[in-house]
Amino acid sequence: MTTTAPFDPNANHASTAPAFLSVWELDAYYGESYIVQKVSFNVHEGEILALLGRNGAGKTSTLRAIARVDDPEVRHGEVWLDHKPLHEMKSFQAAGAGVALVPEDRRIIPGLTVEENLRLAQIAPPHGWSLDRIYELFPRLGERRKQEGVTLSGGEQQMLAIARALARDIKILLLDEPYEGLAPVIVQEIAKTLNMIRDQGITTIIVEQNAVAALKLADRAVILDTGSVVFDGDAKEVLENQALREEYLAI
């Protein structure tokens, strides 16, 4: 098992690639509740990182802190993305710098079609993928582009939420529970899509209670326990370490 090293924005991981996203000594609170406690880890460009832990471990709060949303409140620490200090930004500025958070509830806009949801994401620059490119990756969305977004199946709504993020010019994709409530066959389809997105060079952090599915997808894993990092290493190592999984993931 490996643990988190001291923050170094130029640190190497197993290769010569520098860190693309660096989180250092991050402290975040809901009111006076200390939720994210000295969290540090690096993500390298083009990687998929699984951010795992039991319920209440601080996974979603860490994602939200990276995305600079108002809650939780970050009181200490730094977050750097491609040499830009996200910790000095508001959420809209972080979005402009390339951060895309896809929340667990997906936030599909009622009353708008699939295509209108996508076009709304491109109402202002910076623009990302074209609609044609999105429909090539998500042919089901292309077939349903005139259908109201909230009437799609759960798996299709998740595809739309990811596609809407790609419609922006993003550098890192933050996914909160993308497999929640989905049938195993749909989970496999979403995983296949995320692999294709990785092939396009997009960096991804996935928070997921279905830890095995996330680990099979991910290159590396960070495990949180009561708001702190207890493991930072290869995803394969977690899959092969039953004692580690039982202690921190209950699987």
C-alpha atoms as a PDB file:
ATOM      1  CA  MET A   1       0.000   0.000   0.000  1.00  0.00           C
ATOM      2  CA  THR A   2       1.220   3.487  -0.814  1.00  0.00           C
ATOM      3  CA  THR A   3       0.303   6.736   0.869  1.00  0.00           C
ATOM      4  CA  THR A   4       0.076  10.291  -0.286  1.00  0.00           C
ATOM      5  CA  ALA A   5       3.386  12.041  -0.908  1.00  0.00           C
ATOM      6  CA  PRO A   6       3.962  15.719  -0.067  1.00  0.00           C
ATOM      7  CA  PHE A   7       2.578  18.091  -2.657  1.00  0.00           C
ATOM      8  CA  ASP A   8       4.755  18.551  -5.710  1.00  0.00           C
ATOM      9  CA  PRO A   9       3.087  19.929  -8.861  1.00  0.00           C
ATOM     10  CA  ASN A  10       5.915  18.485 -10.953  1.00  0.00           C
ATOM     11  CA  ALA A  11       5.951  15.085  -9.271  1.00  0.00           C
ATOM     12  CA  ASN A  12       6.181  12.081 -11.565  1.00  0.00           C
ATOM     13  CA  HIS A  13       4.052   8.975 -11.368  1.00  0.00           C
ATOM     14  CA  ALA A  14       5.617   5.754 -12.644  1.00  0.00           C
ATOM     15  CA  SER A  15       6.462   7.592 -15.860  1.00  0.00           C
ATOM     16  CA  THR A  16       7.755  11.005 -16.817  1.00  0.00           C
ATOM     17  CA  ALA A  17       4.319  12.636 -16.921  1.00  0.00           C
ATOM     18  CA  PRO A  18       3.881  15.588 -14.519  1.00  0.00           C
ATOM     19  CA  ALA A  19       0.731  15.962 -12.468  1.00  0.00           C
ATOM     20  CA  PHE A  20      -2.124  17.578 -14.388  1.00  0.00           C
ATOM     21  CA  LEU A  21      -4.337  18.111 -11.325  1.00  0.00           C
ATOM     22  CA  SER A  22      -2.763  18.529  -7.896  1.00  0.00           C
ATOM     23  CA  VAL A  23      -4.783  18.639  -4.692  1.00  0.00           C
ATOM     24  CA  TRP A  24      -2.733  19.631  -1.651  1.00  0.00           C
ATOM     25  CA  GLU A  25      -3.678  19.630   2.042  1.00  0.00           C
ATOM     26  CA  LEU A  26      -7.321  20.396   1.251  1.00  0.00           C
ATOM     27  CA  ASP A  27      -9.542  21.229   4.238  1.00  0.00           C
ATOM     28  CA  ALA A  28     -13.274  21.775   3.682  1.00  0.00           C
ATOM     29  CA  TYR A  29     -16.203  22.301   6.048  1.00  0.00           C
ATOM     30  CA  TYR A  30     -19.996  22.268   6.111  1.00  0.00           C
ATOM     31  CA  GLY A  31     -20.534  24.852   8.828  1.00  0.00           C
ATOM     32  CA  GLU A  32     -18.267  23.653  11.619  1.00  0.00           C
ATOM     33  CA  SER A  33     -18.274  20.036  10.414  1.00  0.00           C
ATOM     34  CA  TYR A  34     -14.761  19.172   9.254  1.00  0.00           C
ATOM     35  CA  ILE A  35     -15.467  16.977   6.225  1.00  0.00           C
ATOM     36  CA  VAL A  36     -12.388  17.023   3.975  1.00  0.00           C
ATOM     37  CA  GLN A  37      -9.260  16.689   6.115  1.00  0.00           C
ATOM     38  CA  LYS A  38      -5.801  17.410   4.672  1.00  0.00           C
ATOM     39  CA  VAL A  39      -6.583  15.613   1.410  1.00  0.00           C
ATOM     40  CA  SER A  40      -3.697  15.479  -1.078  1.00  0.00           C
ATOM     41  CA  PHE A  41      -3.347  13.582  -4.348  1.00  0.00           C
ATOM     42  CA  ASN A  42      -2.236  14.041  -7.955  1.00  0.00           C
ATOM     43  CA  VAL A  43      -3.968  13.086 -11.202  1.00  0.00           C
ATOM     44  CA  HIS A  44      -2.064  12.807 -14.456  1.00  0.00           C
ATOM     45  CA  GLU A  45      -3.322  13.912 -17.838  1.00  0.00           C
ATOM     46  CA  GLY A  46      -5.484  11.316 -19.546  1.00  0.00           C
ATOM     47  CA  GLU A  47      -5.919   9.209 -16.405  1.00  0.00           C
ATOM     48  CA  ILE A  48      -9.102   7.941 -14.824  1.00  0.00           C
ATOM     49  CA  LEU A  49      -8.842   8.184 -11.037  1.00  0.00           C
ATOM     50  CA  ALA A  50     -11.354   6.341  -8.842  1.00  0.00           C
ATOM     51  CA  LEU A  51     -12.038   8.301  -5.638  1.00  0.00           C
ATOM     52  CA  LEU A  52     -13.471   5.711  -3.278  1.00  0.00           C
ATOM     53  CA  GLY A  53     -14.567   5.157   0.315  1.00  0.00           C
ATOM     54  CA  ARG A  54     -17.550   4.249   2.440  1.00  0.00           C
ATOM     55  CA  ASN A  55     -20.625   6.468   2.709  1.00  0.00           C
ATOM     56  CA  GLY A  56     -19.688   9.690   4.471  1.00  0.00           C
ATOM     57  CA  ALA A  57     -15.973   9.362   3.719  1.00  0.00           C
ATOM     58  CA  GLY A  58     -15.869  12.766   1.997  1.00  0.00           C
ATOM     59  CA  LYS A  59     -15.765  11.710  -1.654  1.00  0.00           C
ATOM     60  CA  THR A  60     -18.494  13.978  -3.029  1.00  0.00           C
ATOM     61  CA  SER A  61     -17.324  16.830  -0.810  1.00  0.00           C
ATOM     62  CA  THR A  62     -13.824  16.514  -2.282  1.00  0.00           C
ATOM     63  CA  LEU A  63     -15.215  16.650  -5.828  1.00  0.00           C
ATOM     64  CA  ARG A  64     -17.283  19.713  -4.965  1.00  0.00           C
ATOM     65  CA  ALA A  65     -14.292  21.390  -3.349  1.00  0.00           C
ATOM     66  CA  ILE A  66     -12.238  20.839  -6.507  1.00  0.00           C
ATOM     67  CA  ALA A  67     -15.058  22.304  -8.603  1.00  0.00           C
ATOM     68  CA  ARG A  68     -15.177  25.318  -6.236  1.00  0.00           C
ATOM     69  CA  VAL A  69     -18.897  25.170  -5.489  1.00  0.00           C
ATOM     70  CA  ASP A  70     -19.997  27.110  -2.388  1.00  0.00           C
ATOM     71  CA  ASP A  71     -20.502  24.040  -0.193  1.00  0.00           C
ATOM     72  CA  PRO A  72     -18.343  22.715   1.327  1.00  0.00           C
ATOM     73  CA  GLU A  73     -16.298  25.777   2.269  1.00  0.00           C
ATOM     74  CA  VAL A  74     -12.596  25.339   1.540  1.00  0.00           C
ATOM     75  CA  ARG A  75     -10.610  26.911   4.376  1.00  0.00           C
ATOM     76  CA  HIS A  76      -7.127  25.630   3.607  1.00  0.00           C
ATOM     77  CA  GLY A  77      -5.187  23.973   0.829  1.00  0.00           C
ATOM     78  CA  GLU A  78      -4.548  24.340  -2.868  1.00  0.00           C
ATOM     79  CA  VAL A  79      -5.900  22.856  -6.086  1.00  0.00           C
ATOM     80  CA  TRP A  80      -3.948  23.302  -9.323  1.00  0.00           C
ATOM     81  CA  LEU A  81      -5.180  22.319 -12.779  1.00  0.00           C
ATOM     82  CA  ASP A  82      -2.761  22.602 -15.685  1.00  0.00           C
ATOM     83  CA  HIS A  83      -0.742  25.214 -13.752  1.00  0.00           C
ATOM     84  CA  LYS A  84      -3.825  27.283 -12.855  1.00  0.00           C
ATOM     85  CA  PRO A  85      -4.785  27.828  -9.177  1.00  0.00           C
ATOM     86  CA  LEU A  86      -8.381  26.629  -8.896  1.00  0.00           C
ATOM     87  CA  HIS A  87      -8.378  27.380  -5.165  1.00  0.00           C
ATOM     88  CA  GLU A  88      -8.338  31.099  -5.999  1.00  0.00           C
ATOM     89  CA  MET A  89     -11.421  30.832  -8.242  1.00  0.00           C
ATOM     90  CA  LYS A  90     -15.192  30.891  -7.923  1.00  0.00           C
ATOM     91  CA  SER A  91     -17.119  27.979  -9.408  1.00  0.00           C
ATOM     92  CA  PHE A  92     -17.904  29.780 -12.687  1.00  0.00           C
ATOM     93  CA  GLN A  93     -14.230  30.658 -13.085  1.00  0.00           C
ATOM     94  CA  ALA A  94     -13.194  27.061 -12.440  1.00  0.00           C
ATOM     95  CA  ALA A  95     -15.721  25.961 -15.078  1.00  0.00           C
ATOM     96  CA  GLY A  96     -14.154  28.429 -17.501  1.00  0.00           C
ATOM     97  CA  ALA A  97     -10.746  26.967 -16.656  1.00  0.00           C
ATOM     98  CA  GLY A  98     -11.929  23.522 -17.757  1.00  0.00           C
ATOM     99  CA  VAL A  99     -13.536  21.858 -14.730  1.00  0.00           C
ATOM    100  CA  ALA A 100     -16.783  19.950 -15.431  1.00  0.00           C
ATOM    101  CA  LEU A 101     -18.731  18.496 -12.501  1.00  0.00           C
ATOM    102  CA  VAL A 102     -21.483  15.994 -13.336  1.00  0.00           C
ATOM    103  CA  PRO A 103     -23.457  15.671 -10.078  1.00  0.00           C
ATOM    104  CA  GLU A 104     -25.248  12.567  -8.900  1.00  0.00           C
ATOM    105  CA  ASP A 105     -28.694  13.997  -9.740  1.00  0.00           C
ATOM    106  CA  ARG A 106     -27.514  14.847 -13.310  1.00  0.00           C
ATOM    107  CA  ARG A 107     -29.391  18.205 -13.396  1.00  0.00           C
ATOM    108  CA  ILE A 108     -31.133  17.611 -16.730  1.00  0.00           C
ATOM    109  CA  ILE A 109     -33.204  20.741 -17.428  1.00  0.00           C
ATOM    110  CA  PRO A 110     -36.970  20.044 -17.591  1.00  0.00           C
ATOM    111  CA  GLY A 111     -38.838  21.308 -20.626  1.00  0.00           C
ATOM    112  CA  LEU A 112     -35.794  21.139 -22.903  1.00  0.00           C
ATOM    113  CA  THR A 113     -35.041  18.473 -25.477  1.00  0.00           C
ATOM    114  CA  VAL A 114     -31.793  16.527 -25.532  1.00  0.00           C
ATOM    115  CA  GLU A 115     -30.405  18.843 -28.178  1.00  0.00           C
ATOM    116  CA  GLU A 116     -31.574  21.973 -26.377  1.00  0.00           C
ATOM    117  CA  ASN A 117     -29.793  20.794 -23.212  1.00  0.00           C
ATOM    118  CA  LEU A 118     -26.619  20.399 -25.251  1.00  0.00           C
ATOM    119  CA  ARG A 119     -26.979  23.703 -27.084  1.00  0.00           C
ATOM    120  CA  LEU A 120     -27.585  25.529 -23.819  1.00  0.00           C
ATOM    121  CA  ALA A 121     -24.214  24.263 -22.589  1.00  0.00           C
ATOM    122  CA  GLN A 122     -22.644  26.002 -25.592  1.00  0.00           C
ATOM    123  CA  ILE A 123     -24.475  29.304 -25.227  1.00  0.00           C
ATOM    124  CA  ALA A 124     -21.195  30.969 -24.270  1.00  0.00           C
ATOM    125  CA  PRO A 125     -17.575  30.038 -24.973  1.00  0.00           C
ATOM    126  CA  PRO A 126     -15.398  28.089 -24.511  1.00  0.00           C
ATOM    127  CA  HIS A 127     -17.084  25.471 -26.684  1.00  0.00           C
ATOM    128  CA  GLY A 128     -16.066  21.816 -26.660  1.00  0.00           C
ATOM    129  CA  TRP A 129     -17.240  18.962 -28.795  1.00  0.00           C
ATOM    130  CA  SER A 130     -19.594  19.628 -31.699  1.00  0.00           C
ATOM    131  CA  LEU A 131     -23.062  18.079 -31.666  1.00  0.00           C
ATOM    132  CA  ASP A 132     -22.036  15.762 -34.498  1.00  0.00           C
ATOM    133  CA  ARG A 133     -19.086  14.497 -32.470  1.00  0.00           C
ATOM    134  CA  ILE A 134     -21.291  14.045 -29.393  1.00  0.00           C
ATOM    135  CA  TYR A 135     -23.875  12.086 -31.350  1.00  0.00           C
ATOM    136  CA  GLU A 136     -21.126   9.923 -32.804  1.00  0.00           C
ATOM    137  CA  LEU A 137     -20.061   8.966 -29.272  1.00  0.00           C
ATOM    138  CA  PHE A 138     -23.654   8.772 -27.991  1.00  0.00           C
ATOM    139  CA  PRO A 139     -25.753   7.522 -30.947  1.00  0.00           C
ATOM    140  CA  ARG A 140     -28.727   6.973 -28.642  1.00  0.00           C
ATOM    141  CA  LEU A 141     -28.786  10.687 -27.850  1.00  0.00           C
ATOM    142  CA  GLY A 142     -28.734  11.432 -31.556  1.00  0.00           C
ATOM    143  CA  GLU A 143     -31.770   9.206 -32.025  1.00  0.00           C
ATOM    144  CA  ARG A 144     -33.570  11.025 -29.196  1.00  0.00           C
ATOM    145  CA  ARG A 145     -32.316  14.546 -29.817  1.00  0.00           C
ATOM    146  CA  LYS A 146     -35.866  15.946 -30.118  1.00  0.00           C
ATOM    147  CA  GLN A 147     -37.103  14.137 -26.994  1.00  0.00           C
ATOM    148  CA  GLU A 148     -37.436  15.987 -23.683  1.00  0.00           C
ATOM    149  CA  GLY A 149     -34.329  15.219 -21.653  1.00  0.00           C
ATOM    150  CA  VAL A 150     -36.072  14.334 -18.389  1.00  0.00           C
ATOM    151  CA  THR A 151     -38.139  11.637 -20.136  1.00  0.00           C
ATOM    152  CA  LEU A 152     -35.036   9.609 -21.024  1.00  0.00           C
ATOM    153  CA  SER A 153     -34.139   6.442 -19.138  1.00  0.00           C
ATOM    154  CA  GLY A 154     -31.677   6.725 -16.258  1.00  0.00           C
ATOM    155  CA  GLY A 155     -28.785   5.507 -18.374  1.00  0.00           C
ATOM    156  CA  GLU A 156     -29.662   7.879 -21.200  1.00  0.00           C
ATOM    157  CA  GLN A 157     -29.890  10.791 -18.764  1.00  0.00           C
ATOM    158  CA  GLN A 158     -26.415   9.929 -17.487  1.00  0.00           C
ATOM    159  CA  MET A 159     -25.156   9.910 -21.077  1.00  0.00           C
ATOM    160  CA  LEU A 160     -26.783  13.313 -21.619  1.00  0.00           C
ATOM    161  CA  ALA A 161     -25.191  14.716 -18.453  1.00  0.00           C
ATOM    162  CA  ILE A 162     -21.741  13.556 -19.602  1.00  0.00           C
ATOM    163  CA  ALA A 163     -22.367  14.777 -23.153  1.00  0.00           C
ATOM    164  CA  ARG A 164     -23.408  18.185 -21.842  1.00  0.00           C
ATOM    165  CA  ALA A 165     -20.077  18.416 -20.010  1.00  0.00           C
ATOM    166  CA  LEU A 166     -18.205  17.514 -23.211  1.00  0.00           C
ATOM    167  CA  ALA A 167     -20.069  20.257 -25.058  1.00  0.00           C
ATOM    168  CA  ARG A 168     -17.848  22.632 -23.086  1.00  0.00           C
ATOM    169  CA  ASP A 169     -14.089  22.885 -23.570  1.00  0.00           C
ATOM    170  CA  ILE A 170     -13.086  20.861 -20.507  1.00  0.00           C
ATOM    171  CA  LYS A 171      -9.795  19.675 -19.064  1.00  0.00           C
ATOM    172  CA  ILE A 172     -11.084  17.449 -16.277  1.00  0.00           C
ATOM    173  CA  LEU A 173     -14.362  15.566 -15.861  1.00  0.00           C
ATOM    174  CA  LEU A 174     -15.633  15.026 -12.300  1.00  0.00           C
ATOM    175  CA  LEU A 175     -18.280  12.306 -12.123  1.00  0.00           C
ATOM    176  CA  ASP A 176     -20.321  11.784  -8.951  1.00  0.00           C
ATOM    177  CA  GLU A 177     -21.992   8.348  -8.785  1.00  0.00           C
ATOM    178  CA  PRO A 178     -22.476   7.888 -12.559  1.00  0.00           C
ATOM    179  CA  TYR A 179     -23.636   4.269 -12.082  1.00  0.00           C
ATOM    180  CA  GLU A 180     -26.242   5.059  -9.412  1.00  0.00           C
ATOM    181  CA  GLY A 181     -29.513   3.215 -10.060  1.00  0.00           C
ATOM    182  CA  LEU A 182     -28.397   1.750 -13.388  1.00  0.00           C
ATOM    183  CA  ALA A 183     -28.700  -1.863 -14.502  1.00  0.00           C
ATOM    184  CA  PRO A 184     -25.408  -3.782 -14.901  1.00  0.00           C
ATOM    185  CA  VAL A 185     -25.671  -3.785 -18.694  1.00  0.00           C
ATOM    186  CA  ILE A 186     -26.042   0.020 -18.685  1.00  0.00           C
ATOM    187  CA  VAL A 187     -23.116   0.345 -16.253  1.00  0.00           C
ATOM    188  CA  GLN A 188     -21.001  -1.557 -18.781  1.00  0.00           C
ATOM    189  CA  GLU A 189     -22.157   0.777 -21.530  1.00  0.00           C
ATOM    190  CA  ILE A 190     -21.287   3.891 -19.508  1.00  0.00           C
ATOM    191  CA  ALA A 191     -17.880   2.383 -18.660  1.00  0.00           C
ATOM    192  CA  LYS A 192     -17.228   1.725 -22.347  1.00  0.00           C
ATOM    193  CA  THR A 193     -18.106   5.346 -23.098  1.00  0.00           C
ATOM    194  CA  LEU A 194     -15.758   6.626 -20.379  1.00  0.00           C
ATOM    195  CA  ASN A 195     -12.956   4.512 -21.836  1.00  0.00           C
ATOM    196  CA  MET A 196     -13.590   6.126 -25.205  1.00  0.00           C
ATOM    197  CA  ILE A 197     -13.486   9.562 -23.568  1.00  0.00           C
ATOM    198  CA  ARG A 198     -10.140   8.644 -21.967  1.00  0.00           C
ATOM    199  CA  ASP A 199      -8.894   7.688 -25.437  1.00  0.00           C
ATOM    200  CA  GLN A 200      -9.611  11.296 -26.415  1.00  0.00           C
ATOM    201  CA  GLY A 201      -7.160  12.439 -23.732  1.00  0.00           C
ATOM    202  CA  ILE A 202      -9.693  13.705 -21.190  1.00  0.00           C
ATOM    203  CA  THR A 203      -8.780  13.344 -17.517  1.00  0.00           C
ATOM    204  CA  THR A 204     -11.503  11.969 -15.234  1.00  0.00           C
ATOM    205  CA  ILE A 205     -12.164  11.543 -11.515  1.00  0.00           C
ATOM    206  CA  ILE A 206     -14.992   9.141 -10.724  1.00  0.00           C
ATOM    207  CA  VAL A 207     -16.693   8.870  -7.323  1.00  0.00           C
ATOM    208  CA  GLU A 208     -18.676   5.649  -7.188  1.00  0.00           C
ATOM    209  CA  GLN A 209     -20.196   3.329  -4.575  1.00  0.00           C
ATOM    210  CA  ASN A 210     -19.894   0.474  -7.083  1.00  0.00           C
ATOM    211  CA  ALA A 211     -16.199   0.299  -6.239  1.00  0.00           C
ATOM    212  CA  VAL A 212     -15.388  -2.824  -8.260  1.00  0.00           C
ATOM    213  CA  ALA A 213     -16.833  -1.330 -11.441  1.00  0.00           C
ATOM    214  CA  ALA A 214     -14.944   1.908 -10.838  1.00  0.00           C
ATOM    215  CA  LEU A 215     -11.680   0.080 -10.144  1.00  0.00           C
ATOM    216  CA  LYS A 216     -11.975  -1.985 -13.311  1.00  0.00           C
ATOM    217  CA  LEU A 217     -12.326   1.273 -15.253  1.00  0.00           C
ATOM    218  CA  ALA A 218      -9.704   3.364 -13.441  1.00  0.00           C
ATOM    219  CA  ASP A 219      -5.953   3.619 -13.814  1.00  0.00           C
ATOM    220  CA  ARG A 220      -5.404   4.638 -10.199  1.00  0.00           C
ATOM    221  CA  ALA A 221      -7.385   4.844  -6.982  1.00  0.00           C
ATOM    222  CA  VAL A 222      -7.506   7.122  -3.959  1.00  0.00           C
ATOM    223  CA  ILE A 223      -9.412   5.844  -0.932  1.00  0.00           C
ATOM    224  CA  LEU A 224     -10.808   8.194   1.702  1.00  0.00           C
ATOM    225  CA  ASP A 225     -11.754   7.267   5.245  1.00  0.00           C
ATOM    226  CA  THR A 226     -13.444   9.850   7.507  1.00  0.00           C
ATOM    227  CA  GLY A 227     -12.271  12.647   5.233  1.00  0.00           C
ATOM    228  CA  SER A 228      -8.611  11.639   4.929  1.00  0.00           C
ATOM    229  CA  VAL A 229      -6.565   9.766   2.313  1.00  0.00           C
ATOM    230  CA  VAL A 230      -5.677   6.224   3.427  1.00  0.00           C
ATOM    231  CA  PHE A 231      -4.571   4.821   0.051  1.00  0.00           C
ATOM    232  CA  ASP A 232      -3.146   6.295  -3.149  1.00  0.00           C
ATOM    233  CA  GLY A 233      -1.970   3.833  -5.775  1.00  0.00           C
ATOM    234  CA  ASP A 234      -2.831   1.576  -8.695  1.00  0.00           C
ATOM    235  CA  ALA A 235      -6.465   0.534  -9.082  1.00  0.00           C
ATOM    236  CA  LYS A 236      -5.306  -3.021  -9.787  1.00  0.00           C
ATOM    237  CA  GLU A 237      -3.654  -3.135  -6.357  1.00  0.00           C
ATOM    238  CA  VAL A 238      -6.994  -2.462  -4.674  1.00  0.00           C
ATOM    239  CA  LEU A 239      -8.750  -5.112  -6.754  1.00  0.00           C
ATOM    240  CA  GLU A 240      -6.131  -7.665  -5.714  1.00  0.00           C
ATOM    241  CA  ASN A 241      -6.009  -6.691  -2.016  1.00  0.00           C
ATOM    242  CA  GLN A 242      -9.020  -8.223  -0.272  1.00  0.00           C
ATOM    243  CA  ALA A 243      -8.015  -6.974   3.194  1.00  0.00           C
ATOM    244  CA  LEU A 244      -7.806  -3.388   1.924  1.00  0.00           C
ATOM    245  CA  ARG A 245     -11.200  -3.616   0.230  1.00  0.00           C
ATOM    246  CA  GLU A 246     -12.844  -5.113   3.314  1.00  0.00           C
ATOM    247  CA  GLU A 247     -11.366  -2.522   5.661  1.00  0.00           C
ATOM    248  CA  TYR A 248     -12.175   0.623   3.683  1.00  0.00           C
ATOM    249  CA  LEU A 249     -14.740  -0.318   1.019  1.00  0.00           C
ATOM    250  CA  ALA A 250     -16.725  -3.127   2.668  1.00  0.00           C
ATOM    251  CA  ILE A 251     -16.390  -5.350  -0.434  1.00  0.00           C
END
